[in-house]
Amino acid sequence: MGVTKTNLFSDVQNEIAVAAKAFAHPARVAIIQYLLKTNACINGDLVQELGLAQATISQHLRELKDIGIIQGTIEGSRISYCINPVRWAEISKQFSEIFDQFAAQQGDNCC
């Protein structure tokens, strides 16, 4: 695999790429949608909801936690996860800025 030259890109471009990679798996999208719907959950709920193995769910939760989009609290032997509202707003803003650039050019015929 080739070396990614992240130093050629801005910090924002690299952050968006990392977030996009975390969203790039349907199980992670499903996890985020479930967390948004329930506003919190226990890891075991996700196993029942998604039908994936506990280890698989844990791996996907780790990916989402690594980018800060979710946060967890330990309650005995359980971990409850929820959306991190601050990080959610940051990522939402970054993606919105990209999508809004196209919306601003709607009157232009680009092709």
C-alpha atoms as a PDB file:
ATOM      1  CA  MET A   1       0.000   0.000   0.000  1.00  0.00           C
ATOM      2  CA  GLY A   2       1.299   3.455  -0.857  1.00  0.00           C
ATOM      3  CA  VAL A   3       2.151   6.122   1.653  1.00  0.00           C
ATOM      4  CA  THR A   4      -0.545   8.747   2.148  1.00  0.00           C
ATOM      5  CA  LYS A   5       0.956  12.211   1.891  1.00  0.00           C
ATOM      6  CA  THR A   6      -1.344  13.871   4.393  1.00  0.00           C
ATOM      7  CA  ASN A   7       1.131  16.714   4.806  1.00  0.00           C
ATOM      8  CA  LEU A   8       0.113  17.935   1.327  1.00  0.00           C
ATOM      9  CA  PHE A   9      -3.375  18.731   2.597  1.00  0.00           C
ATOM     10  CA  SER A  10      -4.791  21.175   5.127  1.00  0.00           C
ATOM     11  CA  ASP A  11      -5.673  20.125   8.659  1.00  0.00           C
ATOM     12  CA  VAL A  12      -9.366  20.522   7.797  1.00  0.00           C
ATOM     13  CA  GLN A  13      -9.039  18.350   4.686  1.00  0.00           C
ATOM     14  CA  ASN A  14      -7.322  15.641   6.732  1.00  0.00           C
ATOM     15  CA  GLU A  15      -9.966  15.857   9.482  1.00  0.00           C
ATOM     16  CA  ILE A  16     -12.801  15.551   6.948  1.00  0.00           C
ATOM     17  CA  ALA A  17     -11.094  12.546   5.352  1.00  0.00           C
ATOM     18  CA  VAL A  18     -10.731  10.801   8.728  1.00  0.00           C
ATOM     19  CA  ALA A  19     -14.390  11.471   9.558  1.00  0.00           C
ATOM     20  CA  ALA A  20     -15.492  10.276   6.111  1.00  0.00           C
ATOM     21  CA  LYS A  21     -13.520   7.073   6.591  1.00  0.00           C
ATOM     22  CA  ALA A  22     -15.281   6.458   9.914  1.00  0.00           C
ATOM     23  CA  PHE A  23     -18.662   6.972   8.218  1.00  0.00           C
ATOM     24  CA  ALA A  24     -17.665   4.737   5.305  1.00  0.00           C
ATOM     25  CA  HIS A  25     -18.976   1.493   6.787  1.00  0.00           C
ATOM     26  CA  PRO A  26     -22.719   0.770   6.874  1.00  0.00           C
ATOM     27  CA  ALA A  27     -22.481  -0.748  10.368  1.00  0.00           C
ATOM     28  CA  ARG A  28     -21.062   2.520  11.678  1.00  0.00           C
ATOM     29  CA  VAL A  29     -23.805   4.489   9.973  1.00  0.00           C
ATOM     30  CA  ALA A  30     -26.349   2.145  11.572  1.00  0.00           C
ATOM     31  CA  ILE A  31     -24.708   2.612  14.974  1.00  0.00           C
ATOM     32  CA  ILE A  32     -24.844   6.395  14.633  1.00  0.00           C
ATOM     33  CA  GLN A  33     -28.476   6.270  13.520  1.00  0.00           C
ATOM     34  CA  TYR A  34     -29.359   4.041  16.476  1.00  0.00           C
ATOM     35  CA  LEU A  35     -27.582   6.355  18.910  1.00  0.00           C
ATOM     36  CA  LEU A  36     -29.395   9.354  17.440  1.00  0.00           C
ATOM     37  CA  LYS A  37     -32.717   7.543  17.729  1.00  0.00           C
ATOM     38  CA  THR A  38     -32.226   6.361  21.305  1.00  0.00           C
ATOM     39  CA  ASN A  39     -30.024   9.248  22.518  1.00  0.00           C
ATOM     40  CA  ALA A  40     -27.870   6.664  24.381  1.00  0.00           C
ATOM     41  CA  CYS A  41     -27.419   2.935  24.455  1.00  0.00           C
ATOM     42  CA  ILE A  42     -25.619   0.073  26.043  1.00  0.00           C
ATOM     43  CA  ASN A  43     -23.274  -1.933  23.866  1.00  0.00           C
ATOM     44  CA  GLY A  44     -25.467  -5.046  24.239  1.00  0.00           C
ATOM     45  CA  ASP A  45     -28.412  -3.173  22.714  1.00  0.00           C
ATOM     46  CA  LEU A  46     -26.407  -2.710  19.538  1.00  0.00           C
ATOM     47  CA  VAL A  47     -25.704  -6.422  19.244  1.00  0.00           C
ATOM     48  CA  GLN A  48     -29.442  -7.130  19.338  1.00  0.00           C
ATOM     49  CA  GLU A  49     -30.335  -4.181  17.104  1.00  0.00           C
ATOM     50  CA  LEU A  50     -27.763  -4.794  14.349  1.00  0.00           C
ATOM     51  CA  GLY A  51     -27.358  -8.556  14.559  1.00  0.00           C
ATOM     52  CA  LEU A  52     -23.565  -8.347  14.503  1.00  0.00           C
ATOM     53  CA  ALA A  53     -21.170 -10.095  16.869  1.00  0.00           C
ATOM     54  CA  GLN A  54     -20.115  -8.314  20.061  1.00  0.00           C
ATOM     55  CA  ALA A  55     -16.495  -8.143  18.878  1.00  0.00           C
ATOM     56  CA  THR A  56     -17.549  -6.593  15.566  1.00  0.00           C
ATOM     57  CA  ILE A  57     -19.710  -3.991  17.312  1.00  0.00           C
ATOM     58  CA  SER A  58     -16.835  -3.169  19.662  1.00  0.00           C
ATOM     59  CA  GLN A  59     -14.479  -2.656  16.722  1.00  0.00           C
ATOM     60  CA  HIS A  60     -16.912  -0.250  15.036  1.00  0.00           C
ATOM     61  CA  LEU A  61     -17.533   1.613  18.295  1.00  0.00           C
ATOM     62  CA  ARG A  62     -13.778   2.011  18.721  1.00  0.00           C
ATOM     63  CA  GLU A  63     -13.490   3.555  15.250  1.00  0.00           C
ATOM     64  CA  LEU A  64     -16.268   6.033  16.030  1.00  0.00           C
ATOM     65  CA  LYS A  65     -14.811   6.808  19.437  1.00  0.00           C
ATOM     66  CA  ASP A  66     -11.354   7.382  17.928  1.00  0.00           C
ATOM     67  CA  ILE A  67     -12.691  10.293  15.865  1.00  0.00           C
ATOM     68  CA  GLY A  68     -14.625  11.574  18.869  1.00  0.00           C
ATOM     69  CA  ILE A  69     -18.086  11.325  17.308  1.00  0.00           C
ATOM     70  CA  ILE A  70     -19.281   9.142  20.187  1.00  0.00           C
ATOM     71  CA  GLN A  71     -18.438   9.072  23.859  1.00  0.00           C
ATOM     72  CA  GLY A  72     -18.989   6.431  26.486  1.00  0.00           C
ATOM     73  CA  THR A  73     -19.542   6.180  30.201  1.00  0.00           C
ATOM     74  CA  ILE A  74     -18.851   3.109  32.276  1.00  0.00           C
ATOM     75  CA  GLU A  75     -21.721   1.858  34.449  1.00  0.00           C
ATOM     76  CA  GLY A  76     -20.560  -1.234  36.271  1.00  0.00           C
ATOM     77  CA  SER A  77     -19.707  -3.792  33.603  1.00  0.00           C
ATOM     78  CA  ARG A  78     -21.576  -1.888  30.885  1.00  0.00           C
ATOM     79  CA  ILE A  79     -20.564   1.028  28.734  1.00  0.00           C
ATOM     80  CA  SER A  80     -23.237   3.432  27.557  1.00  0.00           C
ATOM     81  CA  TYR A  81     -22.469   5.332  24.380  1.00  0.00           C
ATOM     82  CA  CYS A  82     -23.972   8.522  23.025  1.00  0.00           C
ATOM     83  CA  ILE A  83     -23.232  11.112  20.369  1.00  0.00           C
ATOM     84  CA  ASN A  84     -20.627  13.676  21.432  1.00  0.00           C
ATOM     85  CA  PRO A  85     -22.535  16.904  20.661  1.00  0.00           C
ATOM     86  CA  VAL A  86     -19.440  19.087  20.381  1.00  0.00           C
ATOM     87  CA  ARG A  87     -17.649  16.798  17.929  1.00  0.00           C
ATOM     88  CA  TRP A  88     -20.909  16.158  16.048  1.00  0.00           C
ATOM     89  CA  ALA A  89     -21.282  19.907  15.492  1.00  0.00           C
ATOM     90  CA  GLU A  90     -17.665  20.221  14.306  1.00  0.00           C
ATOM     91  CA  ILE A  91     -17.952  17.399  11.780  1.00  0.00           C
ATOM     92  CA  SER A  92     -21.379  18.571  10.650  1.00  0.00           C
ATOM     93  CA  LYS A  93     -20.000  22.072  10.043  1.00  0.00           C
ATOM     94  CA  GLN A  94     -17.026  20.754   8.065  1.00  0.00           C
ATOM     95  CA  PHE A  95     -19.212  18.657   5.758  1.00  0.00           C
ATOM     96  CA  SER A  96     -21.822  21.408   5.449  1.00  0.00           C
ATOM     97  CA  GLU A  97     -19.181  23.875   4.290  1.00  0.00           C
ATOM     98  CA  ILE A  98     -18.199  21.526   1.462  1.00  0.00           C
ATOM     99  CA  PHE A  99     -21.790  20.799   0.416  1.00  0.00           C
ATOM    100  CA  ASP A 100     -22.755  24.469   0.704  1.00  0.00           C
ATOM    101  CA  GLN A 101     -20.043  25.406  -1.806  1.00  0.00           C
ATOM    102  CA  PHE A 102     -21.908  23.433  -4.461  1.00  0.00           C
ATOM    103  CA  ALA A 103     -25.275  24.834  -3.427  1.00  0.00           C
ATOM    104  CA  ALA A 104     -23.883  28.364  -3.836  1.00  0.00           C
ATOM    105  CA  GLN A 105     -22.872  27.519  -7.421  1.00  0.00           C
ATOM    106  CA  GLN A 106     -26.213  25.999  -8.419  1.00  0.00           C
ATOM    107  CA  GLY A 107     -26.833  28.767 -10.946  1.00  0.00           C
ATOM    108  CA  ASP A 108     -23.565  27.973 -12.727  1.00  0.00           C
ATOM    109  CA  ASN A 109     -23.512  25.305 -15.403  1.00  0.00           C
ATOM    110  CA  CYS A 110     -20.306  23.420 -14.654  1.00  0.00           C
ATOM    111  CA  CYS A 111     -20.368  20.957 -17.544  1.00  0.00           C
END
